[in-house]
Amino acid sequence: MFYPIMALERGIPTIIIGFVLSLKPLVCLIATPILNQYLLQVGLELSILIAGLTYAACFVSYACITLIEDLSNFLVVSLLTQIFVGISESFLSVSERQVILLFSLRKGRNQTTATFQTYFGLGIMLSPIFGCGLYVIGGYMFVFFTVGLGHLLICPYIYSKLTIFADLHEEFNRTEYNTSAGTLKLNY
């Protein structure tokens, strides 16, 4: 990650760098149970859209952080970016679980979960290679602008697909099991 190098070049002590970098997991730890409580009120589709757009904004913020010369502004933007990345990752984590519960049959949930985790693992393994290639092509800012733009473009697509699947799932429940529309029952 390039952030510690940039922070050290600006003379920020390593303990503050460690605090800034540890803020995201701390926010995830606190935000995930809270967001899990309010997911159904916000709505699955909207929560994924909010998370994706927030994530895209954070990547653009990571790209622009190199342009900040003032040390206090650099730290404020760093802290806010880490907080918002933690919140958006919590939204995605909670939403992913609900997508699995909603759109897979009880019998196939383990397979669906394994598939999600496989693609997540592939993304983690391939992202450094992809990021290095982008860095060679355009430098530090290009990597984050590209990833942020990717998130910005894919979020409306995911939102539209989830609304279609939610409508199909609701129709399936009404016709097959005669459950009332609008109630969401999750069987763990």
Protein backbone atom coordinates (compact mmCIF):
# COMPACT_ATOMS: atom_id res chain seq x y z
CA MET A 1 0.00 0.00 0.00
CA PHE A 2 1.30 3.42 -0.95
CA TYR A 3 -0.23 5.34 1.95
CA PRO A 4 2.48 4.57 4.55
CA ILE A 5 5.17 5.69 2.11
CA MET A 6 3.37 8.98 1.39
CA ALA A 7 2.73 9.55 5.09
CA LEU A 8 6.35 8.85 6.05
CA GLU A 9 7.55 11.24 3.33
CA ARG A 10 5.38 13.94 4.93
CA GLY A 11 6.94 13.28 8.33
CA ILE A 12 3.96 11.61 9.99
CA PRO A 13 5.00 9.33 12.88
CA THR A 14 4.51 5.61 12.36
CA ILE A 15 2.14 5.36 15.34
CA ILE A 16 -0.26 7.80 13.67
CA ILE A 17 0.06 5.93 10.38
CA GLY A 18 -0.81 2.72 12.23
CA PHE A 19 -3.81 4.41 13.85
CA VAL A 20 -5.09 5.68 10.50
CA LEU A 21 -4.70 2.28 8.87
CA SER A 22 -6.32 0.45 11.80
CA LEU A 23 -9.34 2.73 11.71
CA LYS A 24 -11.03 0.86 8.82
CA PRO A 25 -11.17 -2.55 10.56
CA LEU A 26 -12.31 -0.86 13.77
CA VAL A 27 -15.14 0.91 11.93
CA CYS A 28 -16.10 -2.39 10.27
CA LEU A 29 -16.20 -4.10 13.65
CA ILE A 30 -18.48 -1.44 15.10
CA ALA A 31 -20.62 -0.70 12.02
CA THR A 32 -21.42 -4.23 10.83
CA PRO A 33 -23.77 -5.22 13.70
CA ILE A 34 -25.43 -1.79 13.58
CA LEU A 35 -25.96 -1.91 9.83
CA ASN A 36 -27.24 -5.47 10.09
CA GLN A 37 -30.04 -4.18 12.34
CA TYR A 38 -31.12 -1.51 9.85
CA LEU A 39 -30.55 -3.29 6.53
CA LEU A 40 -34.17 -4.25 6.00
CA GLN A 41 -35.29 -0.69 6.72
CA VAL A 42 -32.84 0.78 4.21
CA GLY A 43 -33.40 -1.99 1.70
CA LEU A 44 -30.94 -4.42 0.23
CA GLU A 45 -30.67 -2.79 -3.18
CA LEU A 46 -30.24 0.71 -1.77
CA SER A 47 -27.64 -0.41 0.77
CA ILE A 48 -25.53 -2.03 -1.94
CA LEU A 49 -25.87 1.08 -4.10
CA ILE A 50 -24.86 3.35 -1.20
CA ALA A 51 -21.92 1.10 -0.35
CA GLY A 52 -20.67 0.96 -3.93
CA LEU A 53 -20.94 4.69 -4.49
CA THR A 54 -19.24 5.42 -1.17
CA TYR A 55 -16.50 2.98 -2.08
CA ALA A 56 -16.04 4.71 -5.45
CA ALA A 57 -15.79 8.11 -3.73
CA CYS A 58 -13.19 6.71 -1.33
CA PHE A 59 -11.02 5.46 -4.17
CA VAL A 60 -11.15 8.90 -5.79
CA SER A 61 -10.22 10.34 -2.39
CA TYR A 62 -7.25 7.96 -2.22
CA ALA A 63 -6.17 9.21 -5.65
CA CYS A 64 -6.48 12.88 -4.69
CA ILE A 65 -4.69 12.48 -1.38
CA THR A 66 -1.38 12.79 -3.21
CA LEU A 67 -2.29 16.37 -4.15
CA ILE A 68 -2.72 17.50 -0.53
CA GLU A 69 0.35 19.32 0.74
CA ASP A 70 -0.91 20.50 4.13
CA LEU A 71 -0.21 17.91 6.82
CA SER A 72 -3.39 18.47 8.85
CA ASN A 73 -5.61 18.28 5.74
CA PHE A 74 -3.75 15.13 4.69
CA LEU A 75 -4.53 13.50 8.03
CA VAL A 76 -8.17 14.61 8.05
CA VAL A 77 -8.78 13.28 4.53
CA SER A 78 -6.97 10.06 5.45
CA LEU A 79 -9.08 9.53 8.56
CA LEU A 80 -12.37 10.32 6.80
CA THR A 81 -11.51 8.08 3.88
CA GLN A 82 -10.71 5.16 6.20
CA ILE A 83 -13.96 5.70 8.11
CA PHE A 84 -16.05 5.75 4.94
CA VAL A 85 -14.26 2.71 3.51
CA GLY A 86 -15.04 0.86 6.75
CA ILE A 87 -18.71 1.83 6.55
CA SER A 88 -19.01 0.85 2.90
CA GLU A 89 -17.27 -2.48 3.49
CA SER A 90 -19.66 -3.15 6.38
CA PHE A 91 -22.62 -2.37 4.12
CA LEU A 92 -21.25 -4.76 1.49
CA SER A 93 -20.55 -7.49 4.03
CA VAL A 94 -24.02 -7.34 5.56
CA SER A 95 -25.68 -7.07 2.14
CA GLU A 96 -23.73 -10.03 0.73
CA ARG A 97 -25.06 -12.26 3.47
CA GLN A 98 -28.63 -11.14 2.78
CA VAL A 99 -28.21 -11.71 -0.96
CA ILE A 100 -27.11 -15.27 -0.26
CA LEU A 101 -30.07 -15.84 2.06
CA LEU A 102 -32.58 -14.32 -0.32
CA PHE A 103 -31.53 -15.71 -3.66
CA SER A 104 -30.41 -19.21 -2.88
CA LEU A 105 -32.45 -22.14 -1.77
CA ARG A 106 -31.73 -23.40 1.71
CA LYS A 107 -30.23 -26.57 0.25
CA GLY A 108 -27.75 -24.65 -1.95
CA ARG A 109 -26.65 -21.93 0.46
CA ASN A 110 -23.31 -23.51 1.27
CA GLN A 111 -22.50 -23.74 -2.42
CA THR A 112 -23.60 -20.15 -2.98
CA THR A 113 -21.50 -18.96 -0.05
CA ALA A 114 -18.51 -20.91 -1.33
CA THR A 115 -18.94 -19.35 -4.76
CA PHE A 116 -19.05 -15.83 -3.27
CA GLN A 117 -15.93 -16.54 -1.24
CA THR A 118 -14.12 -18.03 -4.23
CA TYR A 119 -14.70 -14.93 -6.33
CA PHE A 120 -13.72 -12.74 -3.39
CA GLY A 121 -10.48 -14.72 -2.99
CA LEU A 122 -9.75 -14.49 -6.71
CA GLY A 123 -10.26 -10.76 -6.53
CA ILE A 124 -7.85 -10.45 -3.63
CA MET A 125 -5.23 -12.55 -5.42
CA LEU A 126 -5.55 -10.81 -8.79
CA SER A 127 -5.97 -7.23 -7.61
CA PRO A 128 -2.25 -6.65 -6.88
CA ILE A 129 -1.37 -7.78 -10.40
CA PHE A 130 -4.11 -5.59 -11.86
CA GLY A 131 -3.07 -2.67 -9.64
CA CYS A 132 0.61 -3.00 -10.56
CA GLY A 133 -0.29 -3.00 -14.23
CA LEU A 134 -2.34 0.16 -13.81
CA TYR A 135 0.45 1.74 -11.77
CA VAL A 136 2.97 1.04 -14.54
CA ILE A 137 0.60 2.54 -17.10
CA GLY A 138 -0.44 5.69 -15.27
CA GLY A 139 1.00 6.00 -11.77
CA TYR A 140 -0.54 6.14 -8.32
CA MET A 141 -3.52 8.36 -9.08
CA PHE A 142 -4.47 6.38 -12.19
CA VAL A 143 -4.90 3.17 -10.16
CA PHE A 144 -7.40 4.67 -7.77
CA PHE A 145 -9.26 6.73 -10.36
CA THR A 146 -9.69 3.61 -12.49
CA VAL A 147 -10.94 1.46 -9.63
CA GLY A 148 -13.21 4.26 -8.40
CA LEU A 149 -14.64 4.71 -11.89
CA GLY A 150 -15.17 0.94 -12.13
CA HIS A 151 -17.16 0.98 -8.89
CA LEU A 152 -19.12 3.99 -10.06
CA LEU A 153 -20.06 2.26 -13.31
CA ILE A 154 -20.88 -1.16 -11.89
CA CYS A 155 -23.06 0.01 -8.96
CA PRO A 156 -26.10 1.03 -11.05
CA TYR A 157 -25.81 -2.29 -12.93
CA ILE A 158 -25.80 -4.31 -9.69
CA TYR A 159 -28.67 -2.19 -8.35
CA SER A 160 -30.78 -2.86 -11.44
CA LYS A 161 -30.07 -6.60 -11.34
CA LEU A 162 -30.91 -6.83 -7.64
CA THR A 163 -34.24 -5.08 -8.14
CA ILE A 164 -35.08 -7.51 -10.95
CA PHE A 165 -34.08 -10.51 -8.81
CA ALA A 166 -36.00 -9.14 -5.82
CA ASP A 167 -39.13 -8.83 -7.97
CA LEU A 168 -38.68 -12.39 -9.25
CA HIS A 169 -38.09 -13.69 -5.73
CA GLU A 170 -41.21 -11.92 -4.47
CA GLU A 171 -43.27 -13.32 -7.36
CA PHE A 172 -41.92 -16.82 -6.67
CA ASN A 173 -42.90 -16.54 -3.01
CA ARG A 174 -46.42 -15.34 -3.86
CA THR A 175 -47.12 -18.05 -6.42
CA GLU A 176 -45.37 -21.04 -4.87
CA TYR A 177 -45.78 -20.56 -1.16
CA ASN A 178 -48.59 -17.99 -0.93
CA THR A 179 -46.63 -15.70 1.36
CA SER A 180 -47.72 -12.12 1.59
CA ALA A 181 -45.83 -9.67 -0.58
CA GLY A 182 -43.64 -7.23 1.26
CA THR A 183 -42.76 -9.44 4.21
CA LEU A 184 -39.26 -10.73 4.30
CA LYS A 185 -38.63 -13.95 6.18
CA LEU A 186 -35.06 -15.13 6.35
CA ASN A 187 -34.45 -18.69 7.43
CA TYR A 188 -30.98 -19.10 8.87
